[in-house]
């Protein structure tokens, strides 16, 4: 076979295959459109949409409640911690400085033993 014959056969096969492929595609697309618009499928789509919306709302409320409870607990913990660290006048208390800070080891030992 010559190159020209092979090339011509490939061209004819491509054209016929593309035409047959397009026709089959159009058949499948038409069947899918008919199925999608059928009353049974439409009813199922509507029911699925309603269930999804209801479940989404329920999940949103549950997440909101959980986040709200967590925020409330964090707020109470923070308030309790801040209140514990404040003196009677409301100012933040600082820990007493180490009386032995900056004192040599021998002097610190003497000071500790005298306390």
PDB file of N, CA and C in Angstrom:
ATOM      1  N   UNK A   1       0.830  -1.165   0.000  1.00  0.00           N
ATOM      2  CA  UNK A   1       0.000   0.000   0.000  1.00  0.00           C
ATOM      3  C   UNK A   1       0.885   1.242   0.000  1.00  0.00           C
ATOM      4  N   UNK A   2       0.414   2.179  -0.727  1.00  0.00           N
ATOM      5  CA  UNK A   2       1.196   3.407  -0.781  1.00  0.00           C
ATOM      6  C   UNK A   2       0.801   4.326   0.380  1.00  0.00           C
ATOM      7  N   UNK A   3       1.645   5.270   0.622  1.00  0.00           N
ATOM      8  CA  UNK A   3       1.382   6.229   1.701  1.00  0.00           C
ATOM      9  C   UNK A   3       0.105   7.003   1.425  1.00  0.00           C
ATOM     10  N   UNK A   4      -0.155   7.303   0.187  1.00  0.00           N
ATOM     11  CA  UNK A   4      -1.346   8.063  -0.171  1.00  0.00           C
ATOM     12  C   UNK A   4      -2.608   7.261   0.128  1.00  0.00           C
ATOM     13  N   UNK A   5      -2.608   5.964  -0.124  1.00  0.00           N
ATOM     14  CA  UNK A   5      -3.761   5.100   0.150  1.00  0.00           C
ATOM     15  C   UNK A   5      -4.014   5.026   1.656  1.00  0.00           C
ATOM     16  N   UNK A   6      -2.947   4.862   2.405  1.00  0.00           N
ATOM     17  CA  UNK A   6      -3.083   4.788   3.874  1.00  0.00           C
ATOM     18  C   UNK A   6      -3.637   6.104   4.418  1.00  0.00           C
ATOM     19  N   UNK A   7      -3.141   7.204   3.907  1.00  0.00           N
ATOM     20  CA  UNK A   7      -3.594   8.515   4.343  1.00  0.00           C
ATOM     21  C   UNK A   7      -5.062   8.731   3.986  1.00  0.00           C
ATOM     22  N   UNK A   8      -5.477   8.311   2.790  1.00  0.00           N
ATOM     23  CA  UNK A   8      -6.873   8.456   2.358  1.00  0.00           C
ATOM     24  C   UNK A   8      -7.785   7.582   3.226  1.00  0.00           C
ATOM     25  N   UNK A   9      -7.374   6.354   3.508  1.00  0.00           N
ATOM     26  CA  UNK A   9      -8.175   5.457   4.345  1.00  0.00           C
ATOM     27  C   UNK A   9      -8.316   6.017   5.759  1.00  0.00           C
ATOM     28  N   UNK A  10      -7.237   6.572   6.279  1.00  0.00           N
ATOM     29  CA  UNK A  10      -7.298   7.166   7.618  1.00  0.00           C
ATOM     30  C   UNK A  10      -8.244   8.357   7.636  1.00  0.00           C
ATOM     31  N   UNK A  11      -8.229   9.161   6.592  1.00  0.00           N
ATOM     32  CA  UNK A  11      -9.122  10.322   6.507  1.00  0.00           C
ATOM     33  C   UNK A  11     -10.571   9.908   6.449  1.00  0.00           C
ATOM     34  N   UNK A  12     -10.881   8.912   5.600  1.00  0.00           N
ATOM     35  CA  UNK A  12     -12.259   8.429   5.494  1.00  0.00           C
ATOM     36  C   UNK A  12     -12.712   7.824   6.821  1.00  0.00           C
ATOM     37  N   UNK A  13     -11.850   7.052   7.458  1.00  0.00           N
ATOM     38  CA  UNK A  13     -12.194   6.450   8.757  1.00  0.00           C
ATOM     39  C   UNK A  13     -12.445   7.512   9.822  1.00  0.00           C
ATOM     40  N   UNK A  14     -11.650   8.548   9.803  1.00  0.00           N
ATOM     41  CA  UNK A  14     -11.829   9.645  10.775  1.00  0.00           C
ATOM     42  C   UNK A  14     -13.168  10.332  10.566  1.00  0.00           C
ATOM     43  N   UNK A  15     -13.495  10.650   9.312  1.00  0.00           N
ATOM     44  CA  UNK A  15     -14.747  11.354   9.017  1.00  0.00           C
ATOM     45  C   UNK A  15     -15.940  10.483   9.398  1.00  0.00           C
ATOM     46  N   UNK A  16     -15.922   9.213   9.002  1.00  0.00           N
ATOM     47  CA  UNK A  16     -17.047   8.336   9.333  1.00  0.00           C
ATOM     48  C   UNK A  16     -17.146   8.090  10.843  1.00  0.00           C
ATOM     49  N   UNK A  17     -16.017   7.921  11.496  1.00  0.00           N
ATOM     50  CA  UNK A  17     -16.019   7.705  12.948  1.00  0.00           C
ATOM     51  C   UNK A  17     -16.506   8.927  13.701  1.00  0.00           C
ATOM     52  N   UNK A  18     -16.098  10.085  13.250  1.00  0.00           N
ATOM     53  CA  UNK A  18     -16.533  11.314  13.917  1.00  0.00           C
ATOM     54  C   UNK A  18     -18.028  11.511  13.743  1.00  0.00           C
ATOM     55  N   UNK A  19     -18.526  11.215  12.554  1.00  0.00           N
ATOM     56  CA  UNK A  19     -19.957  11.382  12.302  1.00  0.00           C
ATOM     57  C   UNK A  19     -20.747  10.392  13.161  1.00  0.00           C
ATOM     58  N   UNK A  20     -20.333   9.141  13.191  1.00  0.00           N
ATOM     59  CA  UNK A  20     -21.029   8.125  13.993  1.00  0.00           C
ATOM     60  C   UNK A  20     -20.912   8.470  15.472  1.00  0.00           C
ATOM     61  N   UNK A  21     -19.759   8.972  15.888  1.00  0.00           N
ATOM     62  CA  UNK A  21     -19.570   9.346  17.287  1.00  0.00           C
ATOM     63  C   UNK A  21     -20.468  10.497  17.695  1.00  0.00           C
ATOM     64  N   UNK A  22     -20.624  11.461  16.826  1.00  0.00           N
ATOM     65  CA  UNK A  22     -21.462  12.623  17.112  1.00  0.00           C
ATOM     66  C   UNK A  22     -22.922  12.204  17.213  1.00  0.00           C
ATOM     67  N   UNK A  23     -23.369  11.317  16.300  1.00  0.00           N
ATOM     68  CA  UNK A  23     -24.751  10.860  16.340  1.00  0.00           C
ATOM     69  C   UNK A  23     -25.035  10.106  17.638  1.00  0.00           C
ATOM     70  N   UNK A  24     -24.110   9.256  18.041  1.00  0.00           N
ATOM     71  CA  UNK A  24     -24.301   8.495  19.283  1.00  0.00           C
ATOM     72  C   UNK A  24     -24.292   9.435  20.485  1.00  0.00           C
ATOM     73  N   UNK A  25     -23.405  10.422  20.457  1.00  0.00           N
ATOM     74  CA  UNK A  25     -23.355  11.407  21.535  1.00  0.00           C
ATOM     75  C   UNK A  25     -24.697  12.141  21.638  1.00  0.00           C
ATOM     76  N   UNK A  26     -25.241  12.553  20.500  1.00  0.00           N
ATOM     77  CA  UNK A  26     -26.523  13.257  20.507  1.00  0.00           C
ATOM     78  C   UNK A  26     -27.639  12.378  21.075  1.00  0.00           C
ATOM     79  N   UNK A  27     -27.610  11.073  20.761  1.00  0.00           N
ATOM     80  CA  UNK A  27     -28.612  10.142  21.311  1.00  0.00           C
ATOM     81  C   UNK A  27     -28.495  10.054  22.833  1.00  0.00           C
ATOM     82  N   UNK A  28     -27.263   9.905  23.312  1.00  0.00           N
ATOM     83  CA  UNK A  28     -27.039   9.785  24.755  1.00  0.00           C
ATOM     84  C   UNK A  28     -27.452  11.074  25.462  1.00  0.00           C
ATOM     85  N   UNK A  29     -27.105  12.220  24.898  1.00  0.00           N
ATOM     86  CA  UNK A  29     -27.456  13.508  25.502  1.00  0.00           C
ATOM     87  C   UNK A  29     -28.970  13.688  25.550  1.00  0.00           C
ATOM     88  N   UNK A  30     -29.677  13.309  24.495  1.00  0.00           N
ATOM     89  CA  UNK A  30     -31.137  13.430  24.463  1.00  0.00           C
ATOM     90  C   UNK A  30     -31.770  12.525  25.521  1.00  0.00           C
ATOM     91  N   UNK A  31     -31.255  11.305  25.650  1.00  0.00           N
ATOM     92  CA  UNK A  31     -31.773  10.381  26.667  1.00  0.00           C
ATOM     93  C   UNK A  31     -31.531  10.938  28.068  1.00  0.00           C
ATOM     94  N   UNK A  32     -30.371  11.502  28.308  1.00  0.00           N
ATOM     95  CA  UNK A  32     -30.061  12.078  29.618  1.00  0.00           C
ATOM     96  C   UNK A  32     -30.978  13.262  29.920  1.00  0.00           C
ATOM     97  N   UNK A  33     -31.248  14.117  28.923  1.00  0.00           N
ATOM     98  CA  UNK A  33     -32.165  15.246  29.135  1.00  0.00           C
ATOM     99  C   UNK A  33     -33.569  14.759  29.459  1.00  0.00           C
ATOM    100  N   UNK A  34     -34.028  13.744  28.730  1.00  0.00           N
ATOM    101  CA  UNK A  34     -35.365  13.192  28.989  1.00  0.00           C
ATOM    102  C   UNK A  34     -35.449  12.607  30.400  1.00  0.00           C
ATOM    103  N   UNK A  35     -34.437  11.883  30.780  1.00  0.00           N
ATOM    104  CA  UNK A  35     -34.411  11.275  32.110  1.00  0.00           C
ATOM    105  C   UNK A  35     -34.393  12.351  33.194  1.00  0.00           C
ATOM    106  N   UNK A  36     -33.572  13.378  33.021  1.00  0.00           N
ATOM    107  CA  UNK A  36     -33.432  14.449  34.019  1.00  0.00           C
ATOM    108  C   UNK A  36     -34.749  15.200  34.213  1.00  0.00           C
ATOM    109  N   UNK A  37     -35.530  15.329  33.142  1.00  0.00           N
ATOM    110  CA  UNK A  37     -36.776  16.092  33.247  1.00  0.00           C
ATOM    111  C   UNK A  37     -37.992  15.207  33.530  1.00  0.00           C
ATOM    112  N   UNK A  38     -37.812  13.921  33.723  1.00  0.00           N
ATOM    113  CA  UNK A  38     -38.949  13.043  34.007  1.00  0.00           C
ATOM    114  C   UNK A  38     -39.516  13.371  35.387  1.00  0.00           C
ATOM    115  N   UNK A  39     -40.814  13.189  35.568  1.00  0.00           N
ATOM    116  CA  UNK A  39     -41.457  13.527  36.855  1.00  0.00           C
ATOM    117  C   UNK A  39     -40.877  12.749  38.039  1.00  0.00           C
ATOM    118  N   UNK A  40     -40.535  11.495  37.844  1.00  0.00           N
ATOM    119  CA  UNK A  40     -39.985  10.691  38.934  1.00  0.00           C
ATOM    120  C   UNK A  40     -38.640  11.244  39.397  1.00  0.00           C
ATOM    121  N   UNK A  41     -37.777  11.546  38.443  1.00  0.00           N
ATOM    122  CA  UNK A  41     -36.461  12.081  38.792  1.00  0.00           C
ATOM    123  C   UNK A  41     -36.599  13.479  39.381  1.00  0.00           C
ATOM    124  N   UNK A  42     -37.501  14.290  38.835  1.00  0.00           N
ATOM    125  CA  UNK A  42     -37.714  15.644  39.360  1.00  0.00           C
ATOM    126  C   UNK A  42     -38.176  15.583  40.819  1.00  0.00           C
ATOM    127  N   UNK A  43     -39.088  14.650  41.125  1.00  0.00           N
ATOM    128  CA  UNK A  43     -39.566  14.507  42.496  1.00  0.00           C
ATOM    129  C   UNK A  43     -38.417  14.079  43.422  1.00  0.00           C
ATOM    130  N   UNK A  44     -37.598  13.156  42.947  1.00  0.00           N
ATOM    131  CA  UNK A  44     -36.439  12.727  43.731  1.00  0.00           C
ATOM    132  C   UNK A  44     -35.448  13.853  43.955  1.00  0.00           C
ATOM    133  N   UNK A  45     -35.215  14.679  42.931  1.00  0.00           N
ATOM    134  CA  UNK A  45     -34.312  15.834  43.084  1.00  0.00           C
ATOM    135  C   UNK A  45     -34.850  16.810  44.115  1.00  0.00           C
ATOM    136  N   UNK A  46     -36.169  17.086  44.047  1.00  0.00           N
ATOM    137  CA  UNK A  46     -36.768  18.026  45.007  1.00  0.00           C
ATOM    138  C   UNK A  46     -36.675  17.491  46.429  1.00  0.00           C
ATOM    139  N   UNK A  47     -36.954  16.201  46.602  1.00  0.00           N
ATOM    140  CA  UNK A  47     -36.885  15.594  47.922  1.00  0.00           C
ATOM    141  C   UNK A  47     -35.451  15.638  48.456  1.00  0.00           C
ATOM    142  N   UNK A  48     -34.490  15.339  47.600  1.00  0.00           N
ATOM    143  CA  UNK A  48     -33.085  15.368  48.004  1.00  0.00           C
ATOM    144  C   UNK A  48     -32.662  16.779  48.397  1.00  0.00           C
ATOM    145  N   UNK A  49     -33.100  17.767  47.633  1.00  0.00           N
ATOM    146  CA  UNK A  49     -32.773  19.158  47.938  1.00  0.00           C
ATOM    147  C   UNK A  49     -33.347  19.555  49.305  1.00  0.00           C
ATOM    148  N   UNK A  50     -34.600  19.167  49.585  1.00  0.00           N
ATOM    149  CA  UNK A  50     -35.222  19.509  50.866  1.00  0.00           C
ATOM    150  C   UNK A  50     -34.493  18.851  52.031  1.00  0.00           C
ATOM    151  N   UNK A  51     -34.142  17.591  51.884  1.00  0.00           N
ATOM    152  CA  UNK A  51     -33.416  16.884  52.951  1.00  0.00           C
ATOM    153  C   UNK A  51     -32.052  17.531  53.173  1.00  0.00           C
ATOM    154  N   UNK A  52     -31.361  17.863  52.095  1.00  0.00           N
ATOM    155  CA  UNK A  52     -30.032  18.486  52.221  1.00  0.00           C
ATOM    156  C   UNK A  52     -30.135  19.834  52.923  1.00  0.00           C
ATOM    157  N   UNK A  53     -31.138  20.638  52.581  1.00  0.00           N
ATOM    158  CA  UNK A  53     -31.306  21.935  53.241  1.00  0.00           C
ATOM    159  C   UNK A  53     -31.614  21.763  54.727  1.00  0.00           C
ATOM    160  N   UNK A  54     -32.507  20.826  55.044  1.00  0.00           N
ATOM    161  CA  UNK A  54     -32.869  20.603  56.450  1.00  0.00           C
ATOM    162  C   UNK A  54     -31.660  20.128  57.241  1.00  0.00           C
ATOM    163  N   UNK A  55     -30.929  19.164  56.697  1.00  0.00           N
ATOM    164  CA  UNK A  55     -29.743  18.643  57.399  1.00  0.00           C
ATOM    165  C   UNK A  55     -28.677  19.728  57.522  1.00  0.00           C
ATOM    166  N   UNK A  56     -28.539  20.563  56.520  1.00  0.00           N
ATOM    167  CA  UNK A  56     -27.575  21.658  56.585  1.00  0.00           C
ATOM    168  C   UNK A  56     -27.924  22.649  57.682  1.00  0.00           C
ATOM    169  N   UNK A  57     -29.198  22.984  57.800  1.00  0.00           N
ATOM    170  CA  UNK A  57     -29.630  23.896  58.873  1.00  0.00           C
ATOM    171  C   UNK A  57     -29.383  23.275  60.242  1.00  0.00           C
ATOM    172  N   UNK A  58     -29.725  21.988  60.386  1.00  0.00           N
ATOM    173  CA  UNK A  58     -29.505  21.311  61.669  1.00  0.00           C
ATOM    174  C   UNK A  58     -28.020  21.297  62.022  1.00  0.00           C
ATOM    175  N   UNK A  59     -27.184  20.998  61.050  1.00  0.00           N
ATOM    176  CA  UNK A  59     -25.748  20.972  61.301  1.00  0.00           C
ATOM    177  C   UNK A  59     -25.242  22.369  61.657  1.00  0.00           C
ATOM    178  N   UNK A  60     -25.745  23.382  60.984  1.00  0.00           N
ATOM    179  CA  UNK A  60     -25.341  24.754  61.284  1.00  0.00           C
ATOM    180  C   UNK A  60     -25.718  25.150  62.705  1.00  0.00           C
ATOM    181  N   UNK A  61     -26.932  24.759  63.132  1.00  0.00           N
ATOM    182  CA  UNK A  61     -27.334  25.069  64.512  1.00  0.00           C
ATOM    183  C   UNK A  61     -26.454  24.333  65.521  1.00  0.00           C
ATOM    184  N   UNK A  62     -26.152  23.074  65.228  1.00  0.00           N
ATOM    185  CA  UNK A  62     -25.323  22.282  66.144  1.00  0.00           C
ATOM    186  C   UNK A  62     -23.921  22.877  66.246  1.00  0.00           C
ATOM    187  N   UNK A  63     -23.354  23.250  65.121  1.00  0.00           N
ATOM    188  CA  UNK A  63     -22.014  23.852  65.144  1.00  0.00           C
ATOM    189  C   UNK A  63     -22.053  25.179  65.887  1.00  0.00           C
ATOM    190  N   UNK A  64     -23.082  25.979  65.636  1.00  0.00           N
ATOM    191  CA  UNK A  64     -23.215  27.265  66.329  1.00  0.00           C
ATOM    192  C   UNK A  64     -23.321  27.088  67.830  1.00  0.00           C
ATOM    193  N   UNK A  65     -24.103  26.116  68.271  1.00  0.00           N
ATOM    194  CA  UNK A  65     -24.250  25.868  69.701  1.00  0.00           C
ATOM    195  C   UNK A  65     -22.933  25.405  70.315  1.00  0.00           C
ATOM    196  N   UNK A  66     -22.227  24.535  69.616  1.00  0.00           N
ATOM    197  CA  UNK A  66     -20.945  24.045  70.119  1.00  0.00           C
ATOM    198  C   UNK A  66     -19.928  25.174  70.232  1.00  0.00           C
ATOM    199  N   UNK A  67     -19.858  26.006  69.214  1.00  0.00           N
ATOM    200  CA  UNK A  67     -18.922  27.134  69.237  1.00  0.00           C
ATOM    201  C   UNK A  67     -19.309  28.111  70.336  1.00  0.00           C
ATOM    202  N   UNK A  68     -20.601  28.356  70.490  1.00  0.00           N
ATOM    203  CA  UNK A  68     -21.068  29.271  71.529  1.00  0.00           C
ATOM    204  C   UNK A  68     -20.717  28.740  72.923  1.00  0.00           C
ATOM    205  N   UNK A  69     -20.946  27.450  73.154  1.00  0.00           N
ATOM    206  CA  UNK A  69     -20.597  26.853  74.450  1.00  0.00           C
ATOM    207  C   UNK A  69     -19.098  26.923  74.703  1.00  0.00           C
ATOM    208  N   UNK A  70     -18.312  26.636  73.687  1.00  0.00           N
ATOM    209  CA  UNK A  70     -16.857  26.691  73.840  1.00  0.00           C
ATOM    210  C   UNK A  70     -16.411  28.115  74.163  1.00  0.00           C
ATOM    211  N   UNK A  71     -16.978  29.099  73.478  1.00  0.00           N
ATOM    212  CA  UNK A  71     -16.643  30.489  73.751  1.00  0.00           C
ATOM    213  C   UNK A  71     -17.035  30.887  75.159  1.00  0.00           C
ATOM    214  N   UNK A  72     -18.191  30.434  75.618  1.00  0.00           N
ATOM    215  CA  UNK A  72     -18.646  30.744  76.971  1.00  0.00           C
ATOM    216  C   UNK A  72     -17.686  30.132  78.004  1.00  0.00           C
ATOM    217  N   UNK A  73     -17.272  28.869  77.780  1.00  0.00           N
ATOM    218  CA  UNK A  73     -16.338  28.230  78.709  1.00  0.00           C
ATOM    219  C   UNK A  73     -14.999  28.946  78.731  1.00  0.00           C
ATOM    220  N   UNK A  74     -14.522  29.330  77.558  1.00  0.00           N
ATOM    221  CA  UNK A  74     -13.249  30.052  77.497  1.00  0.00           C
ATOM    222  C   UNK A  74     -13.370  31.382  78.217  1.00  0.00           C
ATOM    223  N   UNK A  75     -14.495  32.064  78.024  1.00  0.00           N
ATOM    224  CA  UNK A  75     -14.716  33.342  78.707  1.00  0.00           C
ATOM    225  C   UNK A  75     -14.731  33.185  80.214  1.00  0.00           C
ATOM    226  N   UNK A  76     -15.422  32.154  80.717  1.00  0.00           N
ATOM    227  CA  UNK A  76     -15.464  31.923  82.165  1.00  0.00           C
ATOM    228  C   UNK A  76     -14.077  31.595  82.703  1.00  0.00           C
ATOM    229  N   UNK A  77     -13.348  30.769  81.978  1.00  0.00           N
ATOM    230  CA  UNK A  77     -11.995  30.407  82.405  1.00  0.00           C
ATOM    231  C   UNK A  77     -11.092  31.630  82.425  1.00  0.00           C
ATOM    232  N   UNK A  78     -11.189  32.446  81.397  1.00  0.00           N
ATOM    233  CA  UNK A  78     -10.359  33.649  81.337  1.00  0.00           C
ATOM    234  C   UNK A  78     -10.730  34.612  82.453  1.00  0.00           C
ATOM    235  N   UNK A  79     -12.017  34.784  82.711  1.00  0.00           N
ATOM    236  CA  UNK A  79     -12.452  35.683  83.784  1.00  0.00           C
ATOM    237  C   UNK A  79     -11.964  35.190  85.128  1.00  0.00           C
ATOM    238  N   UNK A  80     -12.074  33.877  85.349  1.00  0.00           N
ATOM    239  CA  UNK A  80     -11.626  33.320  86.624  1.00  0.00           C
ATOM    240  C   UNK A  80     -10.121  33.485  86.780  1.00  0.00           C
ATOM    241  N   UNK A  81      -9.385  33.285  85.704  1.00  0.00           N
ATOM    242  CA  UNK A  81      -7.930  33.420  85.759  1.00  0.00           C
ATOM    243  C   UNK A  81      -7.539  34.859  86.022  1.00  0.00           C
ATOM    244  N   UNK A  82      -8.167  35.800  85.336  1.00  0.00           N
ATOM    245  CA  UNK A  82      -7.861  37.213  85.530  1.00  0.00           C
ATOM    246  C   UNK A  82      -8.249  37.638  86.937  1.00  0.00           C
ATOM    247  N   UNK A  83      -9.400  37.197  87.412  1.00  0.00           N
ATOM    248  CA  UNK A  83      -9.843  37.546  88.766  1.00  0.00           C
ATOM    249  C   UNK A  83      -8.916  36.990  89.827  1.00  0.00           C
ATOM    250  N   UNK A  84      -8.369  35.816  89.610  1.00  0.00           N
ATOM    251  CA  UNK A  84      -7.464  35.202  90.566  1.00  0.00           C
ATOM    252  C   UNK A  84      -6.139  35.956  90.625  1.00  0.00           C
ATOM    253  N   UNK A  85      -5.719  36.525  89.504  1.00  0.00           N
ATOM    254  CA  UNK A  85      -4.442  37.226  89.430  1.00  0.00           C
ATOM    255  C   UNK A  85      -4.552  38.687  89.859  1.00  0.00           C
ATOM    256  N   UNK A  86      -5.708  39.135  90.267  1.00  0.00           N
ATOM    257  CA  UNK A  86      -5.893  40.533  90.664  1.00  0.00           C
ATOM    258  C   UNK A  86      -6.009  40.625  92.184  1.00  0.00           C
ATOM    259  N   UNK A  87      -5.527  41.710  92.702  1.00  0.00           N
ATOM    260  CA  UNK A  87      -5.612  41.952  94.138  1.00  0.00           C
ATOM    261  C   UNK A  87      -6.968  42.516  94.504  1.00  0.00           C
ATOM    262  N   UNK A  88      -7.179  42.849  95.770  1.00  0.00           N
ATOM    263  CA  UNK A  88      -8.476  43.364  96.201  1.00  0.00           C
ATOM    264  C   UNK A  88      -8.828  44.698  95.547  1.00  0.00           C
ATOM    265  N   UNK A  89      -7.823  45.466  95.151  1.00  0.00           N
ATOM    266  CA  UNK A  89      -8.094  46.752  94.518  1.00  0.00           C
ATOM    267  C   UNK A  89      -8.297  46.635  93.010  1.00  0.00           C
ATOM    268  N   UNK A  90      -8.221  45.404  92.442  1.00  0.00           N
ATOM    269  CA  UNK A  90      -8.449  45.181  91.027  1.00  0.00           C
ATOM    270  C   UNK A  90      -7.196  45.266  90.182  1.00  0.00           C
ATOM    271  N   UNK A  91      -6.070  45.680  90.786  1.00  0.00           N
ATOM    272  CA  UNK A  91      -4.818  45.748  90.032  1.00  0.00           C
ATOM    273  C   UNK A  91      -4.206  44.359  89.939  1.00  0.00           C
ATOM    274  N   UNK A  92      -3.454  44.168  88.878  1.00  0.00           N
ATOM    275  CA  UNK A  92      -2.783  42.887  88.710  1.00  0.00           C
ATOM    276  C   UNK A  92      -1.733  42.728  89.790  1.00  0.00           C
ATOM    277  N   UNK A  93      -1.705  41.554  90.386  1.00  0.00           N
ATOM    278  CA  UNK A  93      -0.705  41.282  91.414  1.00  0.00           C
ATOM    279  C   UNK A  93       0.557  40.761  90.753  1.00  0.00           C
ATOM    280  N   UNK A  94       1.651  41.188  91.299  1.00  0.00           N
ATOM    281  CA  UNK A  94       2.931  40.681  90.813  1.00  0.00           C
ATOM    282  C   UNK A  94       3.474  39.747  91.874  1.00  0.00           C
ATOM    283  N   UNK A  95       4.112  38.689  91.463  1.00  0.00           N
ATOM    284  CA  UNK A  95       4.684  37.793  92.469  1.00  0.00           C
ATOM    285  C   UNK A  95       5.769  38.530  93.254  1.00  0.00           C
ATOM    286  N   UNK A  96       5.888  38.152  94.518  1.00  0.00           N
ATOM    287  CA  UNK A  96       6.932  38.752  95.346  1.00  0.00           C
ATOM    288  C   UNK A  96       8.283  38.440  94.737  1.00  0.00           C
ATOM    289  N   UNK A  97       9.152  39.447  94.693  1.00  0.00           N
ATOM    290  CA  UNK A  97      10.481  39.173  94.149  1.00  0.00           C
ATOM    291  C   UNK A  97      11.239  38.239  95.074  1.00  0.00           C
ATOM    292  N   UNK A  98      12.121  37.490  94.496  1.00  0.00           N
ATOM    293  CA  UNK A  98      12.946  36.556  95.263  1.00  0.00           C
ATOM    294  C   UNK A  98      13.879  37.362  96.155  1.00  0.00           C
ATOM    295  N   UNK A  99      13.761  37.203  97.476  1.00  0.00           N
ATOM    296  CA  UNK A  99      14.608  37.998  98.371  1.00  0.00           C
ATOM    297  C   UNK A  99      16.083  37.646  98.235  1.00  0.00           C
ATOM    298  N   UNK A 100      16.356  36.505  97.647  1.00  0.00           N
ATOM    299  CA  UNK A 100      17.767  36.118  97.515  1.00  0.00           C
ATOM    300  C   UNK A 100      18.328  36.464  96.152  1.00  0.00           C
ATOM    301  N   UNK A 101      17.532  37.117  95.296  1.00  0.00           N
ATOM    302  CA  UNK A 101      18.016  37.456  93.956  1.00  0.00           C
ATOM    303  C   UNK A 101      19.167  38.446  94.067  1.00  0.00           C
ATOM    304  N   UNK A 102      20.249  38.189  93.387  1.00  0.00           N
ATOM    305  CA  UNK A 102      21.398  39.076  93.374  1.00  0.00           C
ATOM    306  C   UNK A 102      22.297  38.945  94.600  1.00  0.00           C
ATOM    307  N   UNK A 103      21.952  38.032  95.501  1.00  0.00           N
ATOM    308  CA  UNK A 103      22.766  37.831  96.701  1.00  0.00           C
ATOM    309  C   UNK A 103      23.704  36.662  96.440  1.00  0.00           C
ATOM    310  N   UNK A 104      24.918  36.758  96.932  1.00  0.00           N
ATOM    311  CA  UNK A 104      25.876  35.672  96.710  1.00  0.00           C
ATOM    312  C   UNK A 104      25.404  34.409  97.387  1.00  0.00           C
ATOM    313  N   UNK A 105      25.968  33.298  96.991  1.00  0.00           N
ATOM    314  CA  UNK A 105      25.535  31.999  97.489  1.00  0.00           C
ATOM    315  C   UNK A 105      25.697  31.879  98.992  1.00  0.00           C
ATOM    316  N   UNK A 106      26.785  32.300  99.532  1.00  0.00           N
ATOM    317  CA  UNK A 106      27.004  32.200 100.987  1.00  0.00           C
ATOM    318  C   UNK A 106      26.017  33.092 101.726  1.00  0.00           C
ATOM    319  N   UNK A 107      25.806  34.281 101.213  1.00  0.00           N
ATOM    320  CA  UNK A 107      24.871  35.194 101.883  1.00  0.00           C
ATOM    321  C   UNK A 107      23.453  34.672 101.754  1.00  0.00           C
ATOM    322  N   UNK A 108      23.103  34.074 100.614  1.00  0.00           N
ATOM    323  CA  UNK A 108      21.765  33.527 100.435  1.00  0.00           C
ATOM    324  C   UNK A 108      21.527  32.381 101.382  1.00  0.00           C
ATOM    325  N   UNK A 109      22.532  31.538 101.583  1.00  0.00           N
ATOM    326  CA  UNK A 109      22.397  30.431 102.528  1.00  0.00           C
ATOM    327  C   UNK A 109      22.177  30.962 103.929  1.00  0.00           C
ATOM    328  N   UNK A 110      22.908  31.974 104.301  1.00  0.00           N
ATOM    329  CA  UNK A 110      22.768  32.559 105.643  1.00  0.00           C
ATOM    330  C   UNK A 110      21.387  33.166 105.793  1.00  0.00           C
ATOM    331  N   UNK A 111      20.907  33.857 104.746  1.00  0.00           N
ATOM    332  CA  UNK A 111      19.591  34.500 104.815  1.00  0.00           C
ATOM    333  C   UNK A 111      18.497  33.451 104.905  1.00  0.00           C
ATOM    334  N   UNK A 112      18.625  32.346 104.143  1.00  0.00           N
ATOM    335  CA  UNK A 112      17.621  31.276 104.186  1.00  0.00           C
ATOM    336  C   UNK A 112      17.590  30.611 105.538  1.00  0.00           C
ATOM    337  N   UNK A 113      18.748  30.389 106.118  1.00  0.00           N
ATOM    338  CA  UNK A 113      18.776  29.704 107.402  1.00  0.00           C
ATOM    339  C   UNK A 113      18.233  30.595 108.508  1.00  0.00           C
ATOM    340  N   UNK A 114      18.320  31.901 108.353  1.00  0.00           N
ATOM    341  CA  UNK A 114      17.810  32.787 109.396  1.00  0.00           C
ATOM    342  C   UNK A 114      16.304  32.981 109.260  1.00  0.00           C
ATOM    343  N   UNK A 115      15.714  32.626 108.143  1.00  0.00           N
ATOM    344  CA  UNK A 115      14.284  32.823 107.929  1.00  0.00           C
ATOM    345  C   UNK A 115      13.468  31.796 108.627  1.00  0.00           C
TER     346      UNK A 115
END
